[in-house]
Amino acid sequence: MKKVYYLKTCSTCVRILKNLNLSEDFILQDIKTEPITKSQLEAMKDLAGSYESLFSKRAQLYKTKGLKAIDLKESDYKAYILEHYTFLSRPVIIIENAIYIGNSKATIESVKASLSK
């Protein structure tokens, strides 16, 4: 499977997708208009190893809800990601059995390397 979970209104996600120039066999899912399902999130967690690795601590809601002061557990991360799309670190790119999370330069370079194989 080749899939990208992203936010169409996020300029960083749009720039990354444009830069990657993905082939047509990628499925793009705008998580704002088509929220991720519990089974999709569980599949991402299986590839990533934890819900925490999928969770964005840079989200505005993370700060406004005061979550930094709380000791979050895996079940909390899962619940928050399912509650609101902003808690998913974006973009999440899945290429077969590999997952790439976030927009760091190293992550995007790893995606590029995987695409060039």
PDB file of N, CA and C in Angstrom:
ATOM      1  N   MET A   1       0.833  -1.182   0.000  1.00  0.00           N
ATOM      2  CA  MET A   1       0.000   0.000   0.000  1.00  0.00           C
ATOM      3  C   MET A   1       0.883   1.252   0.000  1.00  0.00           C
ATOM      4  N   LYS A   2       0.436   2.230  -0.717  1.00  0.00           N
ATOM      5  CA  LYS A   2       1.112   3.525  -0.743  1.00  0.00           C
ATOM      6  C   LYS A   2       0.063   4.573  -0.403  1.00  0.00           C
ATOM      7  N   LYS A   3       0.248   5.203   0.761  1.00  0.00           N
ATOM      8  CA  LYS A   3      -0.778   6.131   1.236  1.00  0.00           C
ATOM      9  C   LYS A   3      -0.138   7.294   1.967  1.00  0.00           C
ATOM     10  N   VAL A   4      -0.803   8.452   1.870  1.00  0.00           N
ATOM     11  CA  VAL A   4      -0.358   9.643   2.576  1.00  0.00           C
ATOM     12  C   VAL A   4      -1.533  10.221   3.346  1.00  0.00           C
ATOM     13  N   TYR A   5      -1.331  10.382   4.637  1.00  0.00           N
ATOM     14  CA  TYR A   5      -2.290  11.083   5.485  1.00  0.00           C
ATOM     15  C   TYR A   5      -1.738  12.490   5.660  1.00  0.00           C
ATOM     16  N   TYR A   6      -2.516  13.479   5.249  1.00  0.00           N
ATOM     17  CA  TYR A   6      -2.009  14.842   5.269  1.00  0.00           C
ATOM     18  C   TYR A   6      -3.157  15.816   5.496  1.00  0.00           C
ATOM     19  N   LEU A   7      -2.816  17.078   5.543  1.00  0.00           N
ATOM     20  CA  LEU A   7      -3.797  18.132   5.706  1.00  0.00           C
ATOM     21  C   LEU A   7      -3.671  19.072   4.517  1.00  0.00           C
ATOM     22  N   LYS A   8      -4.731  19.159   3.717  1.00  0.00           N
ATOM     23  CA  LYS A   8      -4.713  19.963   2.503  1.00  0.00           C
ATOM     24  C   LYS A   8      -4.481  21.454   2.803  1.00  0.00           C
ATOM     25  N   THR A   9      -4.874  21.894   4.002  1.00  0.00           N
ATOM     26  CA  THR A   9      -4.724  23.301   4.374  1.00  0.00           C
ATOM     27  C   THR A   9      -3.380  23.604   5.024  1.00  0.00           C
ATOM     28  N   CYS A  10      -2.539  22.596   5.156  1.00  0.00           N
ATOM     29  CA  CYS A  10      -1.208  22.781   5.751  1.00  0.00           C
ATOM     30  C   CYS A  10      -0.196  23.049   4.638  1.00  0.00           C
ATOM     31  N   SER A  11       0.374  24.238   4.640  1.00  0.00           N
ATOM     32  CA  SER A  11       1.315  24.602   3.573  1.00  0.00           C
ATOM     33  C   SER A  11       2.547  23.693   3.573  1.00  0.00           C
ATOM     34  N   THR A  12       2.964  23.234   4.740  1.00  0.00           N
ATOM     35  CA  THR A  12       4.119  22.334   4.813  1.00  0.00           C
ATOM     36  C   THR A  12       3.799  20.997   4.144  1.00  0.00           C
ATOM     37  N   CYS A  13       2.629  20.444   4.426  1.00  0.00           N
ATOM     38  CA  CYS A  13       2.224  19.177   3.795  1.00  0.00           C
ATOM     39  C   CYS A  13       2.146  19.334   2.277  1.00  0.00           C
ATOM     40  N   VAL A  14       1.538  20.417   1.820  1.00  0.00           N
ATOM     41  CA  VAL A  14       1.391  20.662   0.388  1.00  0.00           C
ATOM     42  C   VAL A  14       2.762  20.791  -0.279  1.00  0.00           C
ATOM     43  N   ARG A  15       3.669  21.521   0.357  1.00  0.00           N
ATOM     44  CA  ARG A  15       5.022  21.695  -0.181  1.00  0.00           C
ATOM     45  C   ARG A  15       5.752  20.354  -0.265  1.00  0.00           C
ATOM     46  N   ILE A  16       5.636  19.553   0.782  1.00  0.00           N
ATOM     47  CA  ILE A  16       6.305  18.245   0.803  1.00  0.00           C
ATOM     48  C   ILE A  16       5.752  17.341  -0.299  1.00  0.00           C
ATOM     49  N   LEU A  17       4.437  17.286  -0.436  1.00  0.00           N
ATOM     50  CA  LEU A  17       3.836  16.439  -1.464  1.00  0.00           C
ATOM     51  C   LEU A  17       4.261  16.889  -2.861  1.00  0.00           C
ATOM     52  N   LYS A  18       4.313  18.176  -3.071  1.00  0.00           N
ATOM     53  CA  LYS A  18       4.736  18.708  -4.367  1.00  0.00           C
ATOM     54  C   LYS A  18       6.207  18.339  -4.629  1.00  0.00           C
ATOM     55  N   ASN A  19       7.027  18.461  -3.599  1.00  0.00           N
ATOM     56  CA  ASN A  19       8.452  18.165  -3.694  1.00  0.00           C
ATOM     57  C   ASN A  19       8.696  16.672  -3.960  1.00  0.00           C
ATOM     58  N   LEU A  20       7.893  15.820  -3.353  1.00  0.00           N
ATOM     59  CA  LEU A  20       8.070  14.378  -3.526  1.00  0.00           C
ATOM     60  C   LEU A  20       7.604  13.907  -4.901  1.00  0.00           C
ATOM     61  N   ASN A  21       6.661  14.645  -5.504  1.00  0.00           N
ATOM     62  CA  ASN A  21       6.153  14.288  -6.823  1.00  0.00           C
ATOM     63  C   ASN A  21       5.729  12.817  -6.854  1.00  0.00           C
ATOM     64  N   LEU A  22       4.793  12.467  -5.998  1.00  0.00           N
ATOM     65  CA  LEU A  22       4.363  11.080  -5.831  1.00  0.00           C
ATOM     66  C   LEU A  22       3.638  10.560  -7.063  1.00  0.00           C
ATOM     67  N   SER A  23       3.792   9.281  -7.298  1.00  0.00           N
ATOM     68  CA  SER A  23       3.122   8.650  -8.435  1.00  0.00           C
ATOM     69  C   SER A  23       1.626   8.529  -8.163  1.00  0.00           C
ATOM     70  N   GLU A  24       0.896   8.225  -9.209  1.00  0.00           N
ATOM     71  CA  GLU A  24      -0.564   8.151  -9.117  1.00  0.00           C
ATOM     72  C   GLU A  24      -1.045   6.972  -8.281  1.00  0.00           C
ATOM     73  N   ASP A  25      -0.174   6.017  -7.983  1.00  0.00           N
ATOM     74  CA  ASP A  25      -0.619   4.867  -7.198  1.00  0.00           C
ATOM     75  C   ASP A  25      -0.670   5.159  -5.698  1.00  0.00           C
ATOM     76  N   PHE A  26      -0.342   6.386  -5.303  1.00  0.00           N
ATOM     77  CA  PHE A  26      -0.478   6.794  -3.906  1.00  0.00           C
ATOM     78  C   PHE A  26      -1.911   7.235  -3.636  1.00  0.00           C
ATOM     79  N   ILE A  27      -2.434   6.824  -2.509  1.00  0.00           N
ATOM     80  CA  ILE A  27      -3.747   7.274  -2.056  1.00  0.00           C
ATOM     81  C   ILE A  27      -3.507   8.439  -1.117  1.00  0.00           C
ATOM     82  N   LEU A  28      -4.114   9.577  -1.409  1.00  0.00           N
ATOM     83  CA  LEU A  28      -3.982  10.757  -0.554  1.00  0.00           C
ATOM     84  C   LEU A  28      -5.254  10.913   0.261  1.00  0.00           C
ATOM     85  N   GLN A  29      -5.093  11.034   1.573  1.00  0.00           N
ATOM     86  CA  GLN A  29      -6.246  11.218   2.451  1.00  0.00           C
ATOM     87  C   GLN A  29      -6.079  12.492   3.259  1.00  0.00           C
ATOM     88  N   ASP A  30      -6.930  13.475   2.951  1.00  0.00           N
ATOM     89  CA  ASP A  30      -6.957  14.721   3.708  1.00  0.00           C
ATOM     90  C   ASP A  30      -7.692  14.425   5.015  1.00  0.00           C
ATOM     91  N   ILE A  31      -6.958  14.431   6.123  1.00  0.00           N
ATOM     92  CA  ILE A  31      -7.530  13.988   7.396  1.00  0.00           C
ATOM     93  C   ILE A  31      -8.548  14.966   7.992  1.00  0.00           C
ATOM     94  N   LYS A  32      -8.651  16.136   7.415  1.00  0.00           N
ATOM     95  CA  LYS A  32      -9.662  17.088   7.889  1.00  0.00           C
ATOM     96  C   LYS A  32     -11.018  16.760   7.268  1.00  0.00           C
ATOM     97  N   THR A  33     -11.039  16.462   5.982  1.00  0.00           N
ATOM     98  CA  THR A  33     -12.302  16.161   5.305  1.00  0.00           C
ATOM     99  C   THR A  33     -12.657  14.678   5.367  1.00  0.00           C
ATOM    100  N   GLU A  34     -11.664  13.824   5.574  1.00  0.00           N
ATOM    101  CA  GLU A  34     -11.883  12.383   5.706  1.00  0.00           C
ATOM    102  C   GLU A  34     -11.094  11.891   6.921  1.00  0.00           C
ATOM    103  N   PRO A  35     -11.690  12.035   8.114  1.00  0.00           N
ATOM    104  CA  PRO A  35     -10.965  11.683   9.348  1.00  0.00           C
ATOM    105  C   PRO A  35     -10.443  10.250   9.338  1.00  0.00           C
ATOM    106  N   ILE A  36      -9.314  10.068  10.014  1.00  0.00           N
ATOM    107  CA  ILE A  36      -8.757   8.719  10.103  1.00  0.00           C
ATOM    108  C   ILE A  36      -9.653   7.861  10.986  1.00  0.00           C
ATOM    109  N   THR A  37      -9.742   6.605  10.637  1.00  0.00           N
ATOM    110  CA  THR A  37     -10.568   5.673  11.391  1.00  0.00           C
ATOM    111  C   THR A  37      -9.722   4.984  12.460  1.00  0.00           C
ATOM    112  N   LYS A  38     -10.406   4.344  13.353  1.00  0.00           N
ATOM    113  CA  LYS A  38      -9.716   3.602  14.416  1.00  0.00           C
ATOM    114  C   LYS A  38      -8.815   2.525  13.801  1.00  0.00           C
ATOM    115  N   SER A  39      -9.318   1.816  12.802  1.00  0.00           N
ATOM    116  CA  SER A  39      -8.514   0.745  12.181  1.00  0.00           C
ATOM    117  C   SER A  39      -7.315   1.313  11.416  1.00  0.00           C
ATOM    118  N   GLN A  40      -7.484   2.477  10.766  1.00  0.00           N
ATOM    119  CA  GLN A  40      -6.348   3.101  10.092  1.00  0.00           C
ATOM    120  C   GLN A  40      -5.278   3.498  11.105  1.00  0.00           C
ATOM    121  N   LEU A  41      -5.718   4.075  12.224  1.00  0.00           N
ATOM    122  CA  LEU A  41      -4.772   4.492  13.256  1.00  0.00           C
ATOM    123  C   LEU A  41      -4.058   3.282  13.858  1.00  0.00           C
ATOM    124  N   GLU A  42      -4.790   2.208  14.078  1.00  0.00           N
ATOM    125  CA  GLU A  42      -4.170   0.996  14.622  1.00  0.00           C
ATOM    126  C   GLU A  42      -3.139   0.421  13.647  1.00  0.00           C
ATOM    127  N   ALA A  43      -3.435   0.489  12.353  1.00  0.00           N
ATOM    128  CA  ALA A  43      -2.478   0.012  11.346  1.00  0.00           C
ATOM    129  C   ALA A  43      -1.220   0.887  11.347  1.00  0.00           C
ATOM    130  N   MET A  44      -1.409   2.202  11.488  1.00  0.00           N
ATOM    131  CA  MET A  44      -0.251   3.108  11.572  1.00  0.00           C
ATOM    132  C   MET A  44       0.575   2.800  12.810  1.00  0.00           C
ATOM    133  N   LYS A  45      -0.098   2.554  13.928  1.00  0.00           N
ATOM    134  CA  LYS A  45       0.591   2.243  15.189  1.00  0.00           C
ATOM    135  C   LYS A  45       1.393   0.958  15.061  1.00  0.00           C
ATOM    136  N   ASP A  46       0.827  -0.040  14.365  1.00  0.00           N
ATOM    137  CA  ASP A  46       1.542  -1.305  14.173  1.00  0.00           C
ATOM    138  C   ASP A  46       2.856  -1.077  13.432  1.00  0.00           C
ATOM    139  N   LEU A  47       2.835  -0.177  12.454  1.00  0.00           N
ATOM    140  CA  LEU A  47       4.057   0.128  11.693  1.00  0.00           C
ATOM    141  C   LEU A  47       5.011   1.019  12.483  1.00  0.00           C
ATOM    142  N   ALA A  48       4.444   1.967  13.231  1.00  0.00           N
ATOM    143  CA  ALA A  48       5.264   2.960  13.942  1.00  0.00           C
ATOM    144  C   ALA A  48       5.775   2.456  15.290  1.00  0.00           C
ATOM    145  N   GLY A  49       5.050   1.530  15.898  1.00  0.00           N
ATOM    146  CA  GLY A  49       5.469   1.005  17.200  1.00  0.00           C
ATOM    147  C   GLY A  49       4.744   1.610  18.384  1.00  0.00           C
ATOM    148  N   SER A  50       4.192   2.804  18.224  1.00  0.00           N
ATOM    149  CA  SER A  50       3.460   3.428  19.326  1.00  0.00           C
ATOM    150  C   SER A  50       2.555   4.534  18.802  1.00  0.00           C
ATOM    151  N   TYR A  51       1.543   4.846  19.581  1.00  0.00           N
ATOM    152  CA  TYR A  51       0.683   5.985  19.255  1.00  0.00           C
ATOM    153  C   TYR A  51       1.430   7.294  19.522  1.00  0.00           C
ATOM    154  N   GLU A  52       2.291   7.278  20.525  1.00  0.00           N
ATOM    155  CA  GLU A  52       3.044   8.490  20.866  1.00  0.00           C
ATOM    156  C   GLU A  52       3.885   8.965  19.685  1.00  0.00           C
ATOM    157  N   SER A  53       4.457   8.032  18.924  1.00  0.00           N
ATOM    158  CA  SER A  53       5.284   8.424  17.780  1.00  0.00           C
ATOM    159  C   SER A  53       4.461   9.083  16.673  1.00  0.00           C
ATOM    160  N   LEU A  54       3.153   8.867  16.682  1.00  0.00           N
ATOM    161  CA  LEU A  54       2.251   9.464  15.698  1.00  0.00           C
ATOM    162  C   LEU A  54       1.662  10.786  16.184  1.00  0.00           C
ATOM    163  N   PHE A  55       1.877  11.093  17.444  1.00  0.00           N
ATOM    164  CA  PHE A  55       1.246  12.242  18.098  1.00  0.00           C
ATOM    165  C   PHE A  55       2.079  13.509  17.925  1.00  0.00           C
ATOM    166  N   SER A  56       1.405  14.595  17.582  1.00  0.00           N
ATOM    167  CA  SER A  56       2.088  15.871  17.402  1.00  0.00           C
ATOM    168  C   SER A  56       2.018  16.706  18.679  1.00  0.00           C
ATOM    169  N   LYS A  57       3.165  16.901  19.297  1.00  0.00           N
ATOM    170  CA  LYS A  57       3.232  17.747  20.488  1.00  0.00           C
ATOM    171  C   LYS A  57       3.402  19.215  20.101  1.00  0.00           C
ATOM    172  N   ARG A  58       3.394  19.477  18.804  1.00  0.00           N
ATOM    173  CA  ARG A  58       3.488  20.848  18.314  1.00  0.00           C
ATOM    174  C   ARG A  58       2.108  21.427  17.997  1.00  0.00           C
ATOM    175  N   ALA A  59       1.077  20.612  18.120  1.00  0.00           N
ATOM    176  CA  ALA A  59      -0.285  21.052  17.815  1.00  0.00           C
ATOM    177  C   ALA A  59      -0.734  22.135  18.792  1.00  0.00           C
ATOM    178  N   GLN A  60      -1.470  23.106  18.274  1.00  0.00           N
ATOM    179  CA  GLN A  60      -1.982  24.189  19.115  1.00  0.00           C
ATOM    180  C   GLN A  60      -2.852  23.641  20.244  1.00  0.00           C
ATOM    181  N   LEU A  61      -3.684  22.645  19.947  1.00  0.00           N
ATOM    182  CA  LEU A  61      -4.558  22.073  20.972  1.00  0.00           C
ATOM    183  C   LEU A  61      -3.767  21.402  22.096  1.00  0.00           C
ATOM    184  N   TYR A  62      -2.588  20.901  21.786  1.00  0.00           N
ATOM    185  CA  TYR A  62      -1.733  20.290  22.806  1.00  0.00           C
ATOM    186  C   TYR A  62      -1.403  21.330  23.871  1.00  0.00           C
ATOM    187  N   LYS A  63      -1.120  22.533  23.414  1.00  0.00           N
ATOM    188  CA  LYS A  63      -0.786  23.613  24.340  1.00  0.00           C
ATOM    189  C   LYS A  63      -2.028  24.146  25.049  1.00  0.00           C
ATOM    190  N   THR A  64      -3.093  24.397  24.285  1.00  0.00           N
ATOM    191  CA  THR A  64      -4.286  24.999  24.885  1.00  0.00           C
ATOM    192  C   THR A  64      -4.995  24.062  25.863  1.00  0.00           C
ATOM    193  N   LYS A  65      -4.894  22.758  25.644  1.00  0.00           N
ATOM    194  CA  LYS A  65      -5.495  21.796  26.576  1.00  0.00           C
ATOM    195  C   LYS A  65      -4.582  21.498  27.765  1.00  0.00           C
ATOM    196  N   GLY A  66      -3.371  22.057  27.736  1.00  0.00           N
ATOM    197  CA  GLY A  66      -2.439  21.831  28.839  1.00  0.00           C
ATOM    198  C   GLY A  66      -1.947  20.404  28.950  1.00  0.00           C
ATOM    199  N   LEU A  67      -1.835  19.721  27.827  1.00  0.00           N
ATOM    200  CA  LEU A  67      -1.454  18.304  27.844  1.00  0.00           C
ATOM    201  C   LEU A  67       0.000  18.075  28.217  1.00  0.00           C
ATOM    202  N   LYS A  68       0.826  19.103  28.081  1.00  0.00           N
ATOM    203  CA  LYS A  68       2.241  18.957  28.429  1.00  0.00           C
ATOM    204  C   LYS A  68       2.406  18.632  29.919  1.00  0.00           C
ATOM    205  N   ALA A  69       1.490  19.134  30.725  1.00  0.00           N
ATOM    206  CA  ALA A  69       1.568  18.933  32.170  1.00  0.00           C
ATOM    207  C   ALA A  69       0.995  17.588  32.619  1.00  0.00           C
ATOM    208  N   ILE A  70       0.449  16.843  31.681  1.00  0.00           N
ATOM    209  CA  ILE A  70      -0.186  15.563  32.002  1.00  0.00           C
ATOM    210  C   ILE A  70       0.707  14.423  31.516  1.00  0.00           C
ATOM    211  N   ASP A  71       0.774  13.365  32.313  1.00  0.00           N
ATOM    212  CA  ASP A  71       1.528  12.181  31.916  1.00  0.00           C
ATOM    213  C   ASP A  71       0.626  11.319  31.030  1.00  0.00           C
ATOM    214  N   LEU A  72       0.735  11.507  29.722  1.00  0.00           N
ATOM    215  CA  LEU A  72      -0.133  10.797  28.787  1.00  0.00           C
ATOM    216  C   LEU A  72       0.323   9.350  28.595  1.00  0.00           C
ATOM    217  N   LYS A  73      -0.648   8.483  28.465  1.00  0.00           N
ATOM    218  CA  LYS A  73      -0.397   7.063  28.222  1.00  0.00           C
ATOM    219  C   LYS A  73      -0.724   6.768  26.758  1.00  0.00           C
ATOM    220  N   GLU A  74      -0.365   5.599  26.290  1.00  0.00           N
ATOM    221  CA  GLU A  74      -0.639   5.216  24.899  1.00  0.00           C
ATOM    222  C   GLU A  74      -2.122   5.355  24.561  1.00  0.00           C
ATOM    223  N   SER A  75      -2.982   4.937  25.478  1.00  0.00           N
ATOM    224  CA  SER A  75      -4.428   5.038  25.222  1.00  0.00           C
ATOM    225  C   SER A  75      -4.864   6.496  25.095  1.00  0.00           C
ATOM    226  N   ASP A  76      -4.198   7.402  25.812  1.00  0.00           N
ATOM    227  CA  ASP A  76      -4.504   8.829  25.705  1.00  0.00           C
ATOM    228  C   ASP A  76      -4.101   9.366  24.335  1.00  0.00           C
ATOM    229  N   TYR A  77      -2.903   9.003  23.895  1.00  0.00           N
ATOM    230  CA  TYR A  77      -2.446   9.453  22.578  1.00  0.00           C
ATOM    231  C   TYR A  77      -3.417   8.990  21.498  1.00  0.00           C
ATOM    232  N   LYS A  78      -3.820   7.731  21.576  1.00  0.00           N
ATOM    233  CA  LYS A  78      -4.761   7.179  20.600  1.00  0.00           C
ATOM    234  C   LYS A  78      -6.071   7.961  20.618  1.00  0.00           C
ATOM    235  N   ALA A  79      -6.604   8.183  21.812  1.00  0.00           N
ATOM    236  CA  ALA A  79      -7.888   8.884  21.940  1.00  0.00           C
ATOM    237  C   ALA A  79      -7.809  10.312  21.394  1.00  0.00           C
ATOM    238  N   TYR A  80      -6.738  11.016  21.701  1.00  0.00           N
ATOM    239  CA  TYR A  80      -6.602  12.389  21.218  1.00  0.00           C
ATOM    240  C   TYR A  80      -6.459  12.446  19.693  1.00  0.00           C
ATOM    241  N   ILE A  81      -5.703  11.522  19.125  1.00  0.00           N
ATOM    242  CA  ILE A  81      -5.544  11.508  17.665  1.00  0.00           C
ATOM    243  C   ILE A  81      -6.893  11.248  16.993  1.00  0.00           C
ATOM    244  N   LEU A  82      -7.670  10.336  17.553  1.00  0.00           N
ATOM    245  CA  LEU A  82      -8.985  10.048  16.987  1.00  0.00           C
ATOM    246  C   LEU A  82      -9.970  11.190  17.225  1.00  0.00           C
ATOM    247  N   GLU A  83      -9.763  11.937  18.294  1.00  0.00           N
ATOM    248  CA  GLU A  83     -10.657  13.049  18.642  1.00  0.00           C
ATOM    249  C   GLU A  83     -10.506  14.221  17.678  1.00  0.00           C
ATOM    250  N   HIS A  84      -9.266  14.550  17.305  1.00  0.00           N
ATOM    251  CA  HIS A  84      -9.045  15.716  16.458  1.00  0.00           C
ATOM    252  C   HIS A  84      -7.826  15.502  15.561  1.00  0.00           C
ATOM    253  N   TYR A  85      -8.000  15.804  14.293  1.00  0.00           N
ATOM    254  CA  TYR A  85      -6.948  15.564  13.291  1.00  0.00           C
ATOM    255  C   TYR A  85      -5.641  16.293  13.596  1.00  0.00           C
ATOM    256  N   THR A  86      -5.705  17.391  14.311  1.00  0.00           N
ATOM    257  CA  THR A  86      -4.493  18.182  14.557  1.00  0.00           C
ATOM    258  C   THR A  86      -3.463  17.438  15.411  1.00  0.00           C
ATOM    259  N   PHE A  87      -3.906  16.405  16.117  1.00  0.00           N
ATOM    260  CA  PHE A  87      -2.981  15.659  16.978  1.00  0.00           C
ATOM    261  C   PHE A  87      -2.131  14.642  16.213  1.00  0.00           C
ATOM    262  N   LEU A  88      -2.445  14.398  14.942  1.00  0.00           N
ATOM    263  CA  LEU A  88      -1.622  13.484  14.148  1.00  0.00           C
ATOM    264  C   LEU A  88      -0.449  14.255  13.567  1.00  0.00           C
ATOM    265  N   SER A  89       0.738  13.766  13.819  1.00  0.00           N
ATOM    266  CA  SER A  89       1.933  14.381  13.238  1.00  0.00           C
ATOM    267  C   SER A  89       1.864  14.176  11.727  1.00  0.00           C
ATOM    268  N   ARG A  90       2.042  15.260  10.972  1.00  0.00           N
ATOM    269  CA  ARG A  90       1.819  15.179   9.530  1.00  0.00           C
ATOM    270  C   ARG A  90       3.058  15.587   8.742  1.00  0.00           C
ATOM    271  N   PRO A  91       3.121  15.071   7.527  1.00  0.00           N
ATOM    272  CA  PRO A  91       2.310  14.001   6.946  1.00  0.00           C
ATOM    273  C   PRO A  91       2.750  12.630   7.456  1.00  0.00           C
ATOM    274  N   VAL A  92       1.870  11.658   7.308  1.00  0.00           N
ATOM    275  CA  VAL A  92       2.225  10.264   7.561  1.00  0.00           C
ATOM    276  C   VAL A  92       2.213   9.597   6.197  1.00  0.00           C
ATOM    277  N   ILE A  93       3.358   9.062   5.820  1.00  0.00           N
ATOM    278  CA  ILE A  93       3.501   8.433   4.508  1.00  0.00           C
ATOM    279  C   ILE A  93       3.794   6.953   4.722  1.00  0.00           C
ATOM    280  N   ILE A  94       2.980   6.126   4.095  1.00  0.00           N
ATOM    281  CA  ILE A  94       3.163   4.679   4.193  1.00  0.00           C
ATOM    282  C   ILE A  94       3.518   4.158   2.802  1.00  0.00           C
ATOM    283  N   ILE A  95       4.645   3.471   2.743  1.00  0.00           N
ATOM    284  CA  ILE A  95       5.080   2.831   1.502  1.00  0.00           C
ATOM    285  C   ILE A  95       5.308   1.363   1.828  1.00  0.00           C
ATOM    286  N   GLU A  96       4.376   0.543   1.371  1.00  0.00           N
ATOM    287  CA  GLU A  96       4.361  -0.893   1.679  1.00  0.00           C
ATOM    288  C   GLU A  96       4.344  -1.102   3.198  1.00  0.00           C
ATOM    289  N   ASN A  97       5.438  -1.613   3.780  1.00  0.00           N
ATOM    290  CA  ASN A  97       5.463  -1.869   5.228  1.00  0.00           C
ATOM    291  C   ASN A  97       6.334  -0.871   5.985  1.00  0.00           C
ATOM    292  N   ALA A  98       6.613   0.265   5.362  1.00  0.00           N
ATOM    293  CA  ALA A  98       7.412   1.310   6.016  1.00  0.00           C
ATOM    294  C   ALA A  98       6.546   2.535   6.258  1.00  0.00           C
ATOM    295  N   ILE A  99       6.775   3.178   7.403  1.00  0.00           N
ATOM    296  CA  ILE A  99       6.012   4.379   7.732  1.00  0.00           C
ATOM    297  C   ILE A  99       6.982   5.530   7.985  1.00  0.00           C
ATOM    298  N   TYR A 100       6.608   6.687   7.494  1.00  0.00           N
ATOM    299  CA  TYR A 100       7.402   7.907   7.659  1.00  0.00           C
ATOM    300  C   TYR A 100       6.483   8.950   8.276  1.00  0.00           C
ATOM    301  N   ILE A 101       6.895   9.469   9.422  1.00  0.00           N
ATOM    302  CA  ILE A 101       6.024  10.350  10.192  1.00  0.00           C
ATOM    303  C   ILE A 101       6.654  11.724  10.344  1.00  0.00           C
ATOM    304  N   GLY A 102       5.880  12.745   9.985  1.00  0.00           N
ATOM    305  CA  GLY A 102       6.322  14.105  10.222  1.00  0.00           C
ATOM    306  C   GLY A 102       7.013  14.737   9.041  1.00  0.00           C
ATOM    307  N   ASN A 103       7.476  15.969   9.271  1.00  0.00           N
ATOM    308  CA  ASN A 103       8.008  16.762   8.171  1.00  0.00           C
ATOM    309  C   ASN A 103       9.474  17.142   8.333  1.00  0.00           C
ATOM    310  N   SER A 104      10.192  16.403   9.174  1.00  0.00           N
ATOM    311  CA  SER A 104      11.614  16.723   9.332  1.00  0.00           C
ATOM    312  C   SER A 104      12.356  16.433   8.031  1.00  0.00           C
ATOM    313  N   LYS A 105      13.432  17.128   7.838  1.00  0.00           N
ATOM    314  CA  LYS A 105      14.232  16.959   6.622  1.00  0.00           C
ATOM    315  C   LYS A 105      14.704  15.512   6.488  1.00  0.00           C
ATOM    316  N   ALA A 106      15.135  14.915   7.596  1.00  0.00           N
ATOM    317  CA  ALA A 106      15.622  13.532   7.575  1.00  0.00           C
ATOM    318  C   ALA A 106      14.510  12.566   7.152  1.00  0.00           C
ATOM    319  N   THR A 107      13.312  12.792   7.646  1.00  0.00           N
ATOM    320  CA  THR A 107      12.180  11.932   7.290  1.00  0.00           C
ATOM    321  C   THR A 107      11.883  12.030   5.799  1.00  0.00           C
ATOM    322  N   ILE A 108      11.836  13.245   5.286  1.00  0.00           N
ATOM    323  CA  ILE A 108      11.530  13.442   3.871  1.00  0.00           C
ATOM    324  C   ILE A 108      12.634  12.860   2.990  1.00  0.00           C
ATOM    325  N   GLU A 109      13.882  12.976   3.416  1.00  0.00           N
ATOM    326  CA  GLU A 109      14.988  12.371   2.662  1.00  0.00           C
ATOM    327  C   GLU A 109      14.853  10.847   2.654  1.00  0.00           C
ATOM    328  N   SER A 110      14.399  10.265   3.763  1.00  0.00           N
ATOM    329  CA  SER A 110      14.176   8.817   3.822  1.00  0.00           C
ATOM    330  C   SER A 110      13.078   8.390   2.852  1.00  0.00           C
ATOM    331  N   VAL A 111      12.029   9.204   2.767  1.00  0.00           N
ATOM    332  CA  VAL A 111      10.946   8.913   1.813  1.00  0.00           C
ATOM    333  C   VAL A 111      11.495   8.960   0.393  1.00  0.00           C
ATOM    334  N   LYS A 112      12.265   9.999   0.091  1.00  0.00           N
ATOM    335  CA  LYS A 112      12.846  10.126  -1.253  1.00  0.00           C
ATOM    336  C   LYS A 112      13.716   8.918  -1.592  1.00  0.00           C
ATOM    337  N   ALA A 113      14.519   8.477  -0.622  1.00  0.00           N
ATOM    338  CA  ALA A 113      15.388   7.319  -0.836  1.00  0.00           C
ATOM    339  C   ALA A 113      14.553   6.062  -1.110  1.00  0.00           C
ATOM    340  N   SER A 114      13.480   5.921  -0.374  1.00  0.00           N
ATOM    341  CA  SER A 114      12.603   4.763  -0.556  1.00  0.00           C
ATOM    342  C   SER A 114      11.922   4.791  -1.927  1.00  0.00           C
ATOM    343  N   LEU A 115      11.549   5.978  -2.377  1.00  0.00           N
ATOM    344  CA  LEU A 115      10.877   6.123  -3.670  1.00  0.00           C
ATOM    345  C   LEU A 115      11.823   5.865  -4.841  1.00  0.00           C
ATOM    346  N   SER A 116      13.107   6.089  -4.629  1.00  0.00           N
ATOM    347  CA  SER A 116      14.061   5.925  -5.722  1.00  0.00           C
ATOM    348  C   SER A 116      14.546   4.490  -5.887  1.00  0.00           C
ATOM    349  N   LYS A 117      14.094   3.601  -5.032  1.00  0.00           N
ATOM    350  CA  LYS A 117      14.502   2.187  -5.118  1.00  0.00           C
ATOM    351  C   LYS A 117      13.835   1.499  -6.284  1.00  0.00           C
TER     352      LYS A 117
END
